[in-house]
Each structure stands twice: as C-alpha cells, then as structure tokens.
Amino acid sequence: MGMDQIHRWESGALAHGVSDPFGQGPLPWLRGGEFYFDGTGRIVPWYVDPVSAPAGGRVPTPRHAGPRSADDVRRQIKGFTSTSAVAPGEALDFRITVDPPQQFGVDVYRIGHYAGDGASKITTSPRLSGIVQPPPLTVDRTVSCHHWWLSWRLQIPTYWSLGAYVAVLTTADGYRSHIPFTVRDNHPADLLLVLPDITWQAYNLYPEDGRTGASLYHAWDEEGRLLGENDAATTVSFDRPFAGAGLPLHVGHAYDFIRWAERYGYDLAYADTRDLHAGRVDPSRYRGLVFPGHDEYWTPAMRGAAELARDTGTSLVFLSANTMYWQSELAPSPAGPDRLLTCRKRRGPGRAARWRDVGPPEQQLLGIQYAGRVPEPAPMVVRNADHWLWDATGAGEGDELPGLVAGEADRYYPRTALPEHTRRILLSHSPYADAEGTKRHQETSLYRAPSGALVFAAGTFAWSPALDRPGHVDGRIQRATANLLDRICKRD
C-alpha cells in the first residue's frame, strides 16, 4: 500500500466528510508562534507535517521543529485509559504504545476558558519508559487493545476540579497524541454536562491503517479500500485509542460549550453518557442536563434516565442535531463493564435499530428529530422572535443567522407524536438543500413538560460552535443560550 493511500486516512476526517474533525478552537498545546502559507493559500501552524501542494510543490518545512501528530500506521505513540470518567481520589490507568521504544511524557490539561487559552496544564508525569505494545486483537471487525500492558497510573487528587481533561502524550523525538477523559462526581450543581463518549466511540476508526480498523461506519477490504456501513463493525470496543491524533470526531462541540459556559460562570458538573446508562446520574441534583455535542447513539437505559429527569422537573438541553438516532447496547469486555458498544443498524436478524422504528420516536423526547445531512451551511431563519429565548439578541422575525444550519439538521415531523407538554414552540424554520438538491428545512424546538422542565433541541450541528469557536461565534446564539440556561438555573 502506497503512502498516498495512507495519508488520506491519517487525519481521521476524510471517511466522515468532515473538514474540521476536532474543532477544539484555541488550545495551548496546539498553539505555535510561527505560521506559514501552504500551496493552497491556507495558513498552516508550525506543528503540521509538510504535505504535497496541488501544483506538485511542497509546503515549506517549518524553520523550528515542533511536535508532530502520531498516526495509526507507524503508531509512534498511541494510548487509551481504563475508563473515560473518573472521580477525584480514584485512579486512572493509561495503556500506551511507543514505537520505536523510548521515553515519553504525559501533560494533563483541563478544558476551560482560562483567559481565552481554552485549557490549562494541570500536571505533568515523570519521564516514562515506552514499549511497543502487541498488535490489536480483531474478531469480526471488533478491534480491541485490552491486552496492552499498564504504562502509567494517575491518581486523581481530591482537589482537582471536575471537568473535561486531555492527556497529551509526547515522545522524546517529538511525536504527540491525545487521550480525553472526564473527572466527575455526584455533587449537586446547576447544570450537568453529559459528554457523548458512546457516540465518540461509534465513529472511532482506530487503527486507520488501511487494514485493521473499523467503526460502526467503515472498515477496509483486503486491498485497503475503505468500505461503507454495510461492511462496518456491528460491535466496537472502548479498549483502544482514538484514531489519528487521538481526539474523537466532534469532540470540539463539547469543548466549545465548556469554554463559553465557564467564561460566564455557570455552575457545571460533568458526566459521560456511560454514567447516564449505568444509573450513576441522579437528575434531582441538577436543574438541567446539557448534551453539548453530536450524541447519536443511545441505549434504552440512557433514554429512561433522560425521561425520568424531564418527568421529575430537571430540564434537558440538546445543543446539536441527530440526537438519539440509533438504539444501542453496551456489554462488558475482559477489561470491565460497558466496554463494548453494539448497534446492528439495518443488518442481521430482527428489526432496524433506529429509535423511530423500534421504540418511541426520538421526537417524543426531543420535540423534533433528525431530518438529514446539510451539505453546505445555510442560514438559520428566526421564528417567533418575540419569545423570551430571543430576548436581547437583536434577532427579528425572519432574520437569517449565517451558517447556523450545518452538518446535520432536525425538524418537526407532523405525523409523529409529540411529547406531553403544557407549552411548545418552534424557534427557527430554515430552508436548505440536501445533497440531491431537494428543498428541506431545519427547526429549533422548545417545550415545557408537565413537570415544569424545559426541553430545548437546537436541531443543528452549528449551535455549540457558535458559542466559542473562532470563526464561528454568533453573539445572538450566545445570548439565546444564556437566556435559556439562566431561566433553567433561575439566575437573575
């Protein structure tokens, strides 16, 4: 297999058609003091390896060497943790492979505002000795690295703040990879941020080597050709690194919300979707549960927990689209409980695995449901501008918010039952063209449940990035989100 074939997978973006796979915004470990223009006229930071320009030239080599992203072909440094969420006082085990064997270090950052940096370094490991771990095990396209040796154990101090963290792995010769994890506990807070680790794993194509890796979307054949959903895995393992640079696709949506919310002082607690699945979330401790990013794969236990929250007065905020589309299952692996994710989709015996086919449609929780992909960003068209959500935003009826319908979109389905509600309103109605040129529309929904809980669904991928992602910020969305959260938190 030639290097040209390999390079098309190393970014982790091509297979899913995403031009901004990580979208972290400003993060200290990605910032450099030197930038240059590549052959396409784009600005490239100094840590990016030289690539071929369309005209056949080469992007200039940076004048100063910087960290380079590890890849899944050479596996310079890759790793994963024993769990994606851990409480202060507990231990987090890292399993890491280093090729060639050499020393490496781990810098741990916490995601937040931090005067605009996007994260702050919390601790650094001692120098560690890296080894080449065994190749991944593969059974029926399920890839697992549960047999890797323990590389480092991090005892989480009791004084660490709750939050989203990223461990940055760097070898002595300058290769870098990442491992995200969450520090959480069950103390009360105004808002619980639920990070979509199950959906992150569904998209994980590790290893992106043209032979072995598989996600719930893709796999490879014997000739290194990327196959589609019909030939993908039906079960994926959490016991493996994330592909490419080690951060999940769409993780930036959560980071966008965190930076914005911490900047404005919202009282946040943290959990991940496996916590919701396992019953570790007590909704009575929070005024609202916030789902900040793409959250497509839900187990019945997750849905039951969210419905219980709503029915007992805890509000729900969904800041993306295509939420709760596939009904999924979690099972134990040799490494522990809830380490295997299964979704059979349209394959195999039994019925299809979409929620709208096998159980109550997602609209009966969200108020709207998935409508389709948005090939080119389109404006969000404001509807019911006199509603309190749009107060002080400056948005008027029919105003267009550029680029706010993007990625994927939801809408109201008139023939699908609505959730029980005392009030309900649609806050946008936005036309766009799908990939075939057919006219579609997106909608944003808000309803009040009989318990008094509010349930908000943005209906677009672009909502969270509009809060704090450079180049995507929209002050009207920031103000509307504040109006919503302030009402949920009963802030003056």
Foldseek 3Di string as FASTA:
>chain_A
DDVVLLVVPQAVDPLPVDPCFALQFAAVLPDDPDWDAALVRDIDDLQEDWDAHPVRHIGDHDPDYAAHADALAQCQKFWEWLDQEEAAQAKIWIFMAHPPKAKKKKWKWFAAQPVNNRIDTDDIDDTWTHHHFDAWDADLLATADLVGDTGDMDRHHNPDDWGKMKIWMAGPVRYIAIYIHTYFDAAFFAEEEAEQVVVLQQSFQPRSNLARGFHCFWDHDPVSDIDGNVSGGQKYFSRTAGGNRRHGGWNSQSSLQRHLCVVVPGTYGYYYLVCQQVVVHDLVRYLEYEHRAARQEHEPSNVVSLVVNQQQRRAYHAQAANHQFFHWDAAADPSGGRGMIGTQAPDDDDHGGTCVTPHQHPQQRQVKHWDWAAPAFAWWFFDPCVDLLQPPLPDDHRDTHGRQAHGTFIDHDPVHDHHAFDDKDWTTWTWGAPPVRDIDIHIWIWTAHPNRYIRTHGGHRLLSCCSGRPPRPRSSSVSSVCSVSCVSSVPD
